[in-house]
């Protein structure tokens, strides 16, 4: 093992990386109008949380965080499946994946 390995793989670095990924996901959701990109940003946010769960799980020597990651991945897969089905139906009806075209759904 290299003597510098704990420096590069410390818990703080994982927290920093997860924070950056989560922030990019939030900014992408708030700024972008394309629904596919919004889905990708949601996945980015979920993976940032997964990274933190695994990092804390390994840091504390408890495998429960890794079990939660599997549940989050299953929920994310179901969310994307339903979301993409809705997106395909919206595209068939409106011809666009822009969120602004959904203003027709207002009362």
PDB file of N, CA and C in Angstrom:
ATOM      1  N   UNK A   1       0.828  -1.185   0.000  1.00  0.00           N
ATOM      2  CA  UNK A   1       0.000   0.000   0.000  1.00  0.00           C
ATOM      3  C   UNK A   1       0.874   1.251   0.000  1.00  0.00           C
ATOM      4  N   UNK A   2       0.405   2.241  -0.685  1.00  0.00           N
ATOM      5  CA  UNK A   2       1.097   3.506  -0.757  1.00  0.00           C
ATOM      6  C   UNK A   2       0.830   4.321   0.505  1.00  0.00           C
ATOM      7  N   UNK A   3       1.818   5.074   0.930  1.00  0.00           N
ATOM      8  CA  UNK A   3       1.650   5.883   2.133  1.00  0.00           C
ATOM      9  C   UNK A   3       0.676   7.027   1.931  1.00  0.00           C
ATOM     10  N   UNK A   4       0.452   7.462   0.679  1.00  0.00           N
ATOM     11  CA  UNK A   4      -0.448   8.577   0.406  1.00  0.00           C
ATOM     12  C   UNK A   4      -1.898   8.147   0.200  1.00  0.00           C
ATOM     13  N   UNK A   5      -2.173   6.854   0.201  1.00  0.00           N
ATOM     14  CA  UNK A   5      -3.521   6.379  -0.077  1.00  0.00           C
ATOM     15  C   UNK A   5      -4.565   6.920   0.903  1.00  0.00           C
ATOM     16  N   UNK A   6      -4.299   6.965   2.228  1.00  0.00           N
ATOM     17  CA  UNK A   6      -5.328   7.543   3.111  1.00  0.00           C
ATOM     18  C   UNK A   6      -5.592   9.009   2.833  1.00  0.00           C
ATOM     19  N   UNK A   7      -4.604   9.713   2.320  1.00  0.00           N
ATOM     20  CA  UNK A   7      -4.802  11.122   1.996  1.00  0.00           C
ATOM     21  C   UNK A   7      -5.808  11.288   0.862  1.00  0.00           C
ATOM     22  N   UNK A   8      -5.732  10.439  -0.160  1.00  0.00           N
ATOM     23  CA  UNK A   8      -6.614  10.570  -1.315  1.00  0.00           C
ATOM     24  C   UNK A   8      -7.977   9.928  -1.093  1.00  0.00           C
ATOM     25  N   UNK A   9      -8.068   8.946  -0.231  1.00  0.00           N
ATOM     26  CA  UNK A   9      -9.325   8.238  -0.044  1.00  0.00           C
ATOM     27  C   UNK A   9      -9.905   8.475   1.346  1.00  0.00           C
ATOM     28  N   UNK A  10      -9.725   9.650   1.870  1.00  0.00           N
ATOM     29  CA  UNK A  10     -10.290   9.935   3.184  1.00  0.00           C
ATOM     30  C   UNK A  10     -11.788  10.202   3.045  1.00  0.00           C
ATOM     31  N   UNK A  11     -12.476  10.152   4.163  1.00  0.00           N
ATOM     32  CA  UNK A  11     -13.927  10.358   4.161  1.00  0.00           C
ATOM     33  C   UNK A  11     -14.285  11.762   3.695  1.00  0.00           C
ATOM     34  N   UNK A  12     -13.450  12.724   4.018  1.00  0.00           N
ATOM     35  CA  UNK A  12     -13.718  14.109   3.597  1.00  0.00           C
ATOM     36  C   UNK A  12     -13.732  14.255   2.084  1.00  0.00           C
ATOM     37  N   UNK A  13     -12.856  13.532   1.402  1.00  0.00           N
ATOM     38  CA  UNK A  13     -12.834  13.607  -0.055  1.00  0.00           C
ATOM     39  C   UNK A  13     -14.106  13.012  -0.654  1.00  0.00           C
ATOM     40  N   UNK A  14     -14.609  11.931  -0.065  1.00  0.00           N
ATOM     41  CA  UNK A  14     -15.872  11.367  -0.547  1.00  0.00           C
ATOM     42  C   UNK A  14     -17.025  12.334  -0.301  1.00  0.00           C
ATOM     43  N   UNK A  15     -17.014  12.981   0.857  1.00  0.00           N
ATOM     44  CA  UNK A  15     -18.074  13.956   1.156  1.00  0.00           C
ATOM     45  C   UNK A  15     -17.999  15.125   0.174  1.00  0.00           C
ATOM     46  N   UNK A  16     -16.813  15.580  -0.115  1.00  0.00           N
ATOM     47  CA  UNK A  16     -16.648  16.679  -1.069  1.00  0.00           C
ATOM     48  C   UNK A  16     -17.122  16.275  -2.463  1.00  0.00           C
ATOM     49  N   UNK A  17     -16.729  15.086  -2.908  1.00  0.00           N
ATOM     50  CA  UNK A  17     -17.150  14.619  -4.236  1.00  0.00           C
ATOM     51  C   UNK A  17     -18.667  14.451  -4.305  1.00  0.00           C
ATOM     52  N   UNK A  18     -19.267  13.879  -3.259  1.00  0.00           N
ATOM     53  CA  UNK A  18     -20.715  13.700  -3.251  1.00  0.00           C
ATOM     54  C   UNK A  18     -21.436  15.041  -3.236  1.00  0.00           C
ATOM     55  N   UNK A  19     -20.883  16.001  -2.508  1.00  0.00           N
ATOM     56  CA  UNK A  19     -21.489  17.334  -2.483  1.00  0.00           C
ATOM     57  C   UNK A  19     -21.439  17.988  -3.853  1.00  0.00           C
ATOM     58  N   UNK A  20     -20.312  17.850  -4.527  1.00  0.00           N
ATOM     59  CA  UNK A  20     -20.186  18.426  -5.873  1.00  0.00           C
ATOM     60  C   UNK A  20     -21.164  17.761  -6.830  1.00  0.00           C
ATOM     61  N   UNK A  21     -21.264  16.426  -6.787  1.00  0.00           N
ATOM     62  CA  UNK A  21     -22.189  15.719  -7.673  1.00  0.00           C
ATOM     63  C   UNK A  21     -23.639  16.095  -7.384  1.00  0.00           C
ATOM     64  N   UNK A  22     -23.973  16.186  -6.097  1.00  0.00           N
ATOM     65  CA  UNK A  22     -25.344  16.547  -5.729  1.00  0.00           C
ATOM     66  C   UNK A  22     -25.666  17.974  -6.171  1.00  0.00           C
ATOM     67  N   UNK A  23     -24.709  18.875  -6.023  1.00  0.00           N
ATOM     68  CA  UNK A  23     -24.918  20.263  -6.436  1.00  0.00           C
ATOM     69  C   UNK A  23     -25.100  20.365  -7.942  1.00  0.00           C
ATOM     70  N   UNK A  24     -24.309  19.618  -8.697  1.00  0.00           N
ATOM     71  CA  UNK A  24     -24.470  19.618 -10.152  1.00  0.00           C
ATOM     72  C   UNK A  24     -25.868  19.107 -10.518  1.00  0.00           C
ATOM     73  N   UNK A  25     -26.333  18.088  -9.812  1.00  0.00           N
ATOM     74  CA  UNK A  25     -27.670  17.557 -10.075  1.00  0.00           C
ATOM     75  C   UNK A  25     -28.756  18.571  -9.773  1.00  0.00           C
ATOM     76  N   UNK A  26     -28.642  19.271  -8.657  1.00  0.00           N
ATOM     77  CA  UNK A  26     -29.647  20.281  -8.300  1.00  0.00           C
ATOM     78  C   UNK A  26     -29.643  21.423  -9.303  1.00  0.00           C
ATOM     79  N   UNK A  27     -28.460  21.876  -9.677  1.00  0.00           N
ATOM     80  CA  UNK A  27     -28.378  22.966 -10.650  1.00  0.00           C
ATOM     81  C   UNK A  27     -28.944  22.523 -11.995  1.00  0.00           C
ATOM     82  N   UNK A  28     -28.672  21.288 -12.382  1.00  0.00           N
ATOM     83  CA  UNK A  28     -29.214  20.781 -13.646  1.00  0.00           C
ATOM     84  C   UNK A  28     -30.723  20.729 -13.645  1.00  0.00           C
ATOM     85  N   UNK A  29     -31.308  20.338 -12.513  1.00  0.00           N
ATOM     86  CA  UNK A  29     -32.773  20.296 -12.433  1.00  0.00           C
ATOM     87  C   UNK A  29     -33.352  21.693 -12.498  1.00  0.00           C
ATOM     88  N   UNK A  30     -32.706  22.631 -11.843  1.00  0.00           N
ATOM     89  CA  UNK A  30     -33.251  23.983 -11.790  1.00  0.00           C
ATOM     90  C   UNK A  30     -33.067  24.745 -13.093  1.00  0.00           C
ATOM     91  N   UNK A  31     -32.018  24.462 -13.834  1.00  0.00           N
ATOM     92  CA  UNK A  31     -31.701  25.258 -15.016  1.00  0.00           C
ATOM     93  C   UNK A  31     -32.240  24.639 -16.300  1.00  0.00           C
ATOM     94  N   UNK A  32     -32.081  23.342 -16.483  1.00  0.00           N
ATOM     95  CA  UNK A  32     -32.387  22.720 -17.770  1.00  0.00           C
ATOM     96  C   UNK A  32     -33.881  22.547 -17.966  1.00  0.00           C
ATOM     97  N   UNK A  33     -34.321  22.556 -19.207  1.00  0.00           N
ATOM     98  CA  UNK A  33     -35.724  22.408 -19.570  1.00  0.00           C
ATOM     99  C   UNK A  33     -36.000  21.074 -20.249  1.00  0.00           C
ATOM    100  N   UNK A  34     -34.973  20.332 -20.598  1.00  0.00           N
ATOM    101  CA  UNK A  34     -35.137  19.039 -21.263  1.00  0.00           C
ATOM    102  C   UNK A  34     -35.397  17.965 -20.208  1.00  0.00           C
ATOM    103  N   UNK A  35     -36.483  17.208 -20.362  1.00  0.00           N
ATOM    104  CA  UNK A  35     -36.851  16.226 -19.346  1.00  0.00           C
ATOM    105  C   UNK A  35     -35.846  15.088 -19.224  1.00  0.00           C
ATOM    106  N   UNK A  36     -35.198  14.720 -20.304  1.00  0.00           N
ATOM    107  CA  UNK A  36     -34.199  13.643 -20.245  1.00  0.00           C
ATOM    108  C   UNK A  36     -33.008  14.080 -19.396  1.00  0.00           C
ATOM    109  N   UNK A  37     -32.600  15.326 -19.569  1.00  0.00           N
ATOM    110  CA  UNK A  37     -31.487  15.840 -18.766  1.00  0.00           C
ATOM    111  C   UNK A  37     -31.903  15.971 -17.303  1.00  0.00           C
ATOM    112  N   UNK A  38     -33.150  16.315 -17.066  1.00  0.00           N
ATOM    113  CA  UNK A  38     -33.648  16.392 -15.684  1.00  0.00           C
ATOM    114  C   UNK A  38     -33.597  15.005 -15.041  1.00  0.00           C
ATOM    115  N   UNK A  39     -33.984  13.964 -15.796  1.00  0.00           N
ATOM    116  CA  UNK A  39     -33.872  12.596 -15.271  1.00  0.00           C
ATOM    117  C   UNK A  39     -32.424  12.240 -14.961  1.00  0.00           C
ATOM    118  N   UNK A  40     -31.516  12.635 -15.834  1.00  0.00           N
ATOM    119  CA  UNK A  40     -30.096  12.341 -15.599  1.00  0.00           C
ATOM    120  C   UNK A  40     -29.594  13.069 -14.353  1.00  0.00           C
ATOM    121  N   UNK A  41     -30.082  14.274 -14.124  1.00  0.00           N
ATOM    122  CA  UNK A  41     -29.671  15.026 -12.932  1.00  0.00           C
ATOM    123  C   UNK A  41     -30.226  14.376 -11.664  1.00  0.00           C
ATOM    124  N   UNK A  42     -31.445  13.847 -11.743  1.00  0.00           N
ATOM    125  CA  UNK A  42     -31.995  13.130 -10.582  1.00  0.00           C
ATOM    126  C   UNK A  42     -31.141  11.905 -10.285  1.00  0.00           C
ATOM    127  N   UNK A  43     -30.746  11.180 -11.316  1.00  0.00           N
ATOM    128  CA  UNK A  43     -29.879  10.016 -11.116  1.00  0.00           C
ATOM    129  C   UNK A  43     -28.532  10.414 -10.531  1.00  0.00           C
ATOM    130  N   UNK A  44     -28.015  11.557 -10.961  1.00  0.00           N
ATOM    131  CA  UNK A  44     -26.750  12.050 -10.417  1.00  0.00           C
ATOM    132  C   UNK A  44     -26.879  12.330  -8.926  1.00  0.00           C
ATOM    133  N   UNK A  45     -28.002  12.920  -8.531  1.00  0.00           N
ATOM    134  CA  UNK A  45     -28.235  13.204  -7.118  1.00  0.00           C
ATOM    135  C   UNK A  45     -28.362  11.908  -6.322  1.00  0.00           C
ATOM    136  N   UNK A  46     -29.074  10.925  -6.865  1.00  0.00           N
ATOM    137  CA  UNK A  46     -29.216   9.649  -6.167  1.00  0.00           C
ATOM    138  C   UNK A  46     -27.864   8.943  -6.030  1.00  0.00           C
ATOM    139  N   UNK A  47     -27.046   9.021  -7.059  1.00  0.00           N
ATOM    140  CA  UNK A  47     -25.728   8.385  -6.983  1.00  0.00           C
ATOM    141  C   UNK A  47     -24.798   9.110  -6.021  1.00  0.00           C
ATOM    142  N   UNK A  48     -24.970  10.412  -5.858  1.00  0.00           N
ATOM    143  CA  UNK A  48     -24.194  11.136  -4.854  1.00  0.00           C
ATOM    144  C   UNK A  48     -24.553  10.645  -3.456  1.00  0.00           C
ATOM    145  N   UNK A  49     -25.833  10.425  -3.223  1.00  0.00           N
ATOM    146  CA  UNK A  49     -26.265   9.890  -1.929  1.00  0.00           C
ATOM    147  C   UNK A  49     -25.737   8.469  -1.753  1.00  0.00           C
ATOM    148  N   UNK A  50     -25.768   7.670  -2.815  1.00  0.00           N
ATOM    149  CA  UNK A  50     -25.235   6.309  -2.735  1.00  0.00           C
ATOM    150  C   UNK A  50     -23.752   6.315  -2.392  1.00  0.00           C
ATOM    151  N   UNK A  51     -23.017   7.233  -2.978  1.00  0.00           N
ATOM    152  CA  UNK A  51     -21.587   7.336  -2.695  1.00  0.00           C
ATOM    153  C   UNK A  51     -21.350   7.647  -1.225  1.00  0.00           C
ATOM    154  N   UNK A  52     -22.144   8.558  -0.679  1.00  0.00           N
ATOM    155  CA  UNK A  52     -22.001   8.880   0.739  1.00  0.00           C
ATOM    156  C   UNK A  52     -22.362   7.695   1.621  1.00  0.00           C
ATOM    157  N   UNK A  53     -23.435   6.990   1.275  1.00  0.00           N
ATOM    158  CA  UNK A  53     -23.835   5.832   2.078  1.00  0.00           C
ATOM    159  C   UNK A  53     -22.738   4.771   2.098  1.00  0.00           C
ATOM    160  N   UNK A  54     -22.150   4.504   0.954  1.00  0.00           N
ATOM    161  CA  UNK A  54     -21.093   3.497   0.893  1.00  0.00           C
ATOM    162  C   UNK A  54     -19.851   3.986   1.636  1.00  0.00           C
ATOM    163  N   UNK A  55     -19.506   5.261   1.485  1.00  0.00           N
ATOM    164  CA  UNK A  55     -18.320   5.787   2.166  1.00  0.00           C
ATOM    165  C   UNK A  55     -18.483   5.719   3.682  1.00  0.00           C
ATOM    166  N   UNK A  56     -19.645   6.136   4.186  1.00  0.00           N
ATOM    167  CA  UNK A  56     -19.863   6.063   5.626  1.00  0.00           C
ATOM    168  C   UNK A  56     -19.965   4.616   6.100  1.00  0.00           C
ATOM    169  N   UNK A  57     -20.532   3.760   5.268  1.00  0.00           N
ATOM    170  CA  UNK A  57     -20.637   2.355   5.630  1.00  0.00           C
ATOM    171  C   UNK A  57     -19.251   1.727   5.787  1.00  0.00           C
ATOM    172  N   UNK A  58     -18.381   2.011   4.844  1.00  0.00           N
ATOM    173  CA  UNK A  58     -17.017   1.467   4.923  1.00  0.00           C
ATOM    174  C   UNK A  58     -16.260   2.107   6.078  1.00  0.00           C
ATOM    175  N   UNK A  59     -16.476   3.401   6.278  1.00  0.00           N
ATOM    176  CA  UNK A  59     -15.760   4.115   7.353  1.00  0.00           C
ATOM    177  C   UNK A  59     -16.139   3.568   8.728  1.00  0.00           C
ATOM    178  N   UNK A  60     -17.406   3.252   8.929  1.00  0.00           N
ATOM    179  CA  UNK A  60     -17.856   2.753  10.216  1.00  0.00           C
ATOM    180  C   UNK A  60     -17.829   1.225  10.320  1.00  0.00           C
ATOM    181  N   UNK A  61     -17.544   0.541   9.215  1.00  0.00           N
ATOM    182  CA  UNK A  61     -17.473  -0.917   9.242  1.00  0.00           C
ATOM    183  C   UNK A  61     -18.817  -1.585   9.381  1.00  0.00           C
ATOM    184  N   UNK A  62     -19.878  -0.901   8.955  1.00  0.00           N
ATOM    185  CA  UNK A  62     -21.234  -1.426   9.041  1.00  0.00           C
ATOM    186  C   UNK A  62     -21.780  -1.561   7.616  1.00  0.00           C
ATOM    187  N   UNK A  63     -22.348  -2.713   7.301  1.00  0.00           N
ATOM    188  CA  UNK A  63     -22.811  -2.961   5.934  1.00  0.00           C
ATOM    189  C   UNK A  63     -24.222  -2.455   5.674  1.00  0.00           C
ATOM    190  N   UNK A  64     -24.869  -1.849   6.645  1.00  0.00           N
ATOM    191  CA  UNK A  64     -26.250  -1.415   6.432  1.00  0.00           C
ATOM    192  C   UNK A  64     -26.346  -0.310   5.383  1.00  0.00           C
ATOM    193  N   UNK A  65     -25.356   0.543   5.289  1.00  0.00           N
ATOM    194  CA  UNK A  65     -25.367   1.577   4.257  1.00  0.00           C
ATOM    195  C   UNK A  65     -25.334   0.995   2.859  1.00  0.00           C
ATOM    196  N   UNK A  66     -24.600  -0.086   2.698  1.00  0.00           N
ATOM    197  CA  UNK A  66     -24.532  -0.718   1.381  1.00  0.00           C
ATOM    198  C   UNK A  66     -25.844  -1.397   1.022  1.00  0.00           C
ATOM    199  N   UNK A  67     -26.573  -1.875   2.030  1.00  0.00           N
ATOM    200  CA  UNK A  67     -27.895  -2.457   1.781  1.00  0.00           C
ATOM    201  C   UNK A  67     -28.865  -1.370   1.325  1.00  0.00           C
ATOM    202  N   UNK A  68     -28.787  -0.195   1.961  1.00  0.00           N
ATOM    203  CA  UNK A  68     -29.639   0.918   1.548  1.00  0.00           C
ATOM    204  C   UNK A  68     -29.354   1.323   0.107  1.00  0.00           C
ATOM    205  N   UNK A  69     -28.101   1.221  -0.309  1.00  0.00           N
ATOM    206  CA  UNK A  69     -27.745   1.561  -1.691  1.00  0.00           C
ATOM    207  C   UNK A  69     -28.492   0.664  -2.671  1.00  0.00           C
ATOM    208  N   UNK A  70     -28.610  -0.615  -2.359  1.00  0.00           N
ATOM    209  CA  UNK A  70     -29.355  -1.514  -3.254  1.00  0.00           C
ATOM    210  C   UNK A  70     -30.819  -1.105  -3.334  1.00  0.00           C
ATOM    211  N   UNK A  71     -31.409  -0.706  -2.212  1.00  0.00           N
ATOM    212  CA  UNK A  71     -32.798  -0.253  -2.248  1.00  0.00           C
ATOM    213  C   UNK A  71     -32.945   1.024  -3.062  1.00  0.00           C
ATOM    214  N   UNK A  72     -32.010   1.943  -2.892  1.00  0.00           N
ATOM    215  CA  UNK A  72     -32.065   3.198  -3.657  1.00  0.00           C
ATOM    216  C   UNK A  72     -31.902   2.923  -5.138  1.00  0.00           C
ATOM    217  N   UNK A  73     -31.018   2.004  -5.491  1.00  0.00           N
ATOM    218  CA  UNK A  73     -30.844   1.665  -6.906  1.00  0.00           C
ATOM    219  C   UNK A  73     -32.099   1.039  -7.490  1.00  0.00           C
ATOM    220  N   UNK A  74     -32.799   0.209  -6.712  1.00  0.00           N
ATOM    221  CA  UNK A  74     -34.047  -0.398  -7.193  1.00  0.00           C
ATOM    222  C   UNK A  74     -35.125   0.652  -7.374  1.00  0.00           C
ATOM    223  N   UNK A  75     -35.229   1.572  -6.417  1.00  0.00           N
ATOM    224  CA  UNK A  75     -36.220   2.647  -6.538  1.00  0.00           C
ATOM    225  C   UNK A  75     -35.872   3.550  -7.716  1.00  0.00           C
ATOM    226  N   UNK A  76     -34.608   3.833  -7.920  1.00  0.00           N
ATOM    227  CA  UNK A  76     -34.193   4.679  -9.042  1.00  0.00           C
ATOM    228  C   UNK A  76     -34.505   4.008 -10.374  1.00  0.00           C
ATOM    229  N   UNK A  77     -34.293   2.708 -10.452  1.00  0.00           N
ATOM    230  CA  UNK A  77     -34.601   1.997 -11.698  1.00  0.00           C
ATOM    231  C   UNK A  77     -36.104   2.033 -11.980  1.00  0.00           C
ATOM    232  N   UNK A  78     -36.917   1.846 -10.944  1.00  0.00           N
ATOM    233  CA  UNK A  78     -38.370   1.917 -11.138  1.00  0.00           C
ATOM    234  C   UNK A  78     -38.801   3.323 -11.517  1.00  0.00           C
ATOM    235  N   UNK A  79     -38.191   4.315 -10.876  1.00  0.00           N
ATOM    236  CA  UNK A  79     -38.534   5.707 -11.180  1.00  0.00           C
ATOM    237  C   UNK A  79     -38.191   6.050 -12.626  1.00  0.00           C
ATOM    238  N   UNK A  80     -37.053   5.623 -13.086  1.00  0.00           N
ATOM    239  CA  UNK A  80     -36.654   5.922 -14.453  1.00  0.00           C
ATOM    240  C   UNK A  80     -37.540   5.179 -15.442  1.00  0.00           C
ATOM    241  N   UNK A  81     -37.919   3.956 -15.123  1.00  0.00           N
ATOM    242  CA  UNK A  81     -38.778   3.197 -16.030  1.00  0.00           C
ATOM    243  C   UNK A  81     -40.125   3.887 -16.201  1.00  0.00           C
ATOM    244  N   UNK A  82     -40.745   4.254 -15.098  1.00  0.00           N
ATOM    245  CA  UNK A  82     -42.040   4.937 -15.168  1.00  0.00           C
ATOM    246  C   UNK A  82     -41.875   6.316 -15.801  1.00  0.00           C
ATOM    247  N   UNK A  83     -40.814   7.016 -15.416  1.00  0.00           N
ATOM    248  CA  UNK A  83     -40.588   8.351 -15.965  1.00  0.00           C
ATOM    249  C   UNK A  83     -40.357   8.345 -17.459  1.00  0.00           C
ATOM    250  N   UNK A  84     -39.595   7.389 -17.944  1.00  0.00           N
ATOM    251  CA  UNK A  84     -39.365   7.321 -19.387  1.00  0.00           C
ATOM    252  C   UNK A  84     -40.632   6.919 -20.143  1.00  0.00           C
ATOM    253  N   UNK A  85     -41.455   6.079 -19.543  1.00  0.00           N
ATOM    254  CA  UNK A  85     -42.735   5.730 -20.183  1.00  0.00           C
ATOM    255  C   UNK A  85     -43.616   6.967 -20.294  1.00  0.00           C
ATOM    256  N   UNK A  86     -43.674   7.757 -19.231  1.00  0.00           N
ATOM    257  CA  UNK A  86     -44.446   9.006 -19.278  1.00  0.00           C
ATOM    258  C   UNK A  86     -43.836   9.963 -20.297  1.00  0.00           C
ATOM    259  N   UNK A  87     -42.517  10.016 -20.350  1.00  0.00           N
ATOM    260  CA  UNK A  87     -41.834  10.902 -21.290  1.00  0.00           C
ATOM    261  C   UNK A  87     -42.137  10.515 -22.737  1.00  0.00           C
ATOM    262  N   UNK A  88     -42.162   9.230 -23.031  1.00  0.00           N
ATOM    263  CA  UNK A  88     -42.480   8.782 -24.391  1.00  0.00           C
ATOM    264  C   UNK A  88     -43.905   9.186 -24.761  1.00  0.00           C
ATOM    265  N   UNK A  89     -44.823   9.053 -23.820  1.00  0.00           N
ATOM    266  CA  UNK A  89     -46.214   9.444 -24.102  1.00  0.00           C
ATOM    267  C   UNK A  89     -46.336  10.956 -24.299  1.00  0.00           C
ATOM    268  N   UNK A  90     -45.604  11.721 -23.508  1.00  0.00           N
ATOM    269  CA  UNK A  90     -45.623  13.174 -23.687  1.00  0.00           C
ATOM    270  C   UNK A  90     -45.029  13.555 -25.035  1.00  0.00           C
ATOM    271  N   UNK A  91     -43.946  12.880 -25.426  1.00  0.00           N
ATOM    272  CA  UNK A  91     -43.325  13.180 -26.711  1.00  0.00           C
ATOM    273  C   UNK A  91     -44.259  12.827 -27.870  1.00  0.00           C
ATOM    274  N   UNK A  92     -44.989  11.725 -27.732  1.00  0.00           N
ATOM    275  CA  UNK A  92     -45.929  11.361 -28.797  1.00  0.00           C
ATOM    276  C   UNK A  92     -47.049  12.384 -28.935  1.00  0.00           C
ATOM    277  N   UNK A  93     -47.474  12.970 -27.824  1.00  0.00           N
ATOM    278  CA  UNK A  93     -48.589  13.916 -27.872  1.00  0.00           C
ATOM    279  C   UNK A  93     -48.161  15.336 -28.200  1.00  0.00           C
ATOM    280  N   UNK A  94     -46.971  15.747 -27.710  1.00  0.00           N
ATOM    281  CA  UNK A  94     -46.568  17.132 -27.922  1.00  0.00           C
ATOM    282  C   UNK A  94     -45.468  17.280 -28.962  1.00  0.00           C
ATOM    283  N   UNK A  95     -44.713  16.224 -29.225  1.00  0.00           N
ATOM    284  CA  UNK A  95     -43.603  16.302 -30.182  1.00  0.00           C
ATOM    285  C   UNK A  95     -42.371  16.966 -29.602  1.00  0.00           C
ATOM    286  N   UNK A  96     -42.305  17.125 -28.288  1.00  0.00           N
ATOM    287  CA  UNK A  96     -41.163  17.764 -27.660  1.00  0.00           C
ATOM    288  C   UNK A  96     -40.948  17.178 -26.264  1.00  0.00           C
ATOM    289  N   UNK A  97     -39.717  17.286 -25.762  1.00  0.00           N
ATOM    290  CA  UNK A  97     -39.422  16.857 -24.391  1.00  0.00           C
ATOM    291  C   UNK A  97     -39.107  18.060 -23.521  1.00  0.00           C
ATOM    292  N   UNK A  98     -39.482  19.240 -23.980  1.00  0.00           N
ATOM    293  CA  UNK A  98     -39.258  20.461 -23.223  1.00  0.00           C
ATOM    294  C   UNK A  98     -40.301  20.565 -22.117  1.00  0.00           C
ATOM    295  N   UNK A  99     -39.854  20.924 -20.922  1.00  0.00           N
ATOM    296  CA  UNK A  99     -40.765  21.020 -19.784  1.00  0.00           C
ATOM    297  C   UNK A  99     -41.772  22.143 -19.984  1.00  0.00           C
ATOM    298  N   UNK A 100     -41.398  23.186 -20.689  1.00  0.00           N
ATOM    299  CA  UNK A 100     -42.302  24.318 -20.886  1.00  0.00           C
ATOM    300  C   UNK A 100     -43.523  23.936 -21.716  1.00  0.00           C
ATOM    301  N   UNK A 101     -43.422  22.882 -22.518  1.00  0.00           N
ATOM    302  CA  UNK A 101     -44.583  22.476 -23.318  1.00  0.00           C
ATOM    303  C   UNK A 101     -45.659  21.822 -22.447  1.00  0.00           C
ATOM    304  N   UNK A 102     -45.318  21.507 -21.211  1.00  0.00           N
ATOM    305  CA  UNK A 102     -46.297  20.888 -20.319  1.00  0.00           C
ATOM    306  C   UNK A 102     -47.209  21.914 -19.659  1.00  0.00           C
ATOM    307  N   UNK A 103     -47.085  23.161 -20.037  1.00  0.00           N
ATOM    308  CA  UNK A 103     -47.967  24.171 -19.452  1.00  0.00           C
ATOM    309  C   UNK A 103     -49.416  23.957 -19.869  1.00  0.00           C
ATOM    310  N   UNK A 104     -49.640  23.129 -20.889  1.00  0.00           N
ATOM    311  CA  UNK A 104     -51.001  22.811 -21.324  1.00  0.00           C
ATOM    312  C   UNK A 104     -51.727  21.962 -20.279  1.00  0.00           C
ATOM    313  N   UNK A 105     -50.981  21.365 -19.364  1.00  0.00           N
ATOM    314  CA  UNK A 105     -51.595  20.508 -18.348  1.00  0.00           C
ATOM    315  C   UNK A 105     -52.157  21.306 -17.179  1.00  0.00           C
ATOM    316  N   UNK A 106     -51.988  22.629 -17.210  1.00  0.00           N
ATOM    317  CA  UNK A 106     -52.523  23.454 -16.121  1.00  0.00           C
ATOM    318  C   UNK A 106     -54.034  23.486 -16.196  1.00  0.00           C
ATOM    319  N   UNK A 107     -54.643  23.854 -15.080  1.00  0.00           N
ATOM    320  CA  UNK A 107     -56.107  23.988 -15.034  1.00  0.00           C
ATOM    321  C   UNK A 107     -56.548  25.163 -15.842  1.00  0.00           C
TER     322      UNK A 107
END
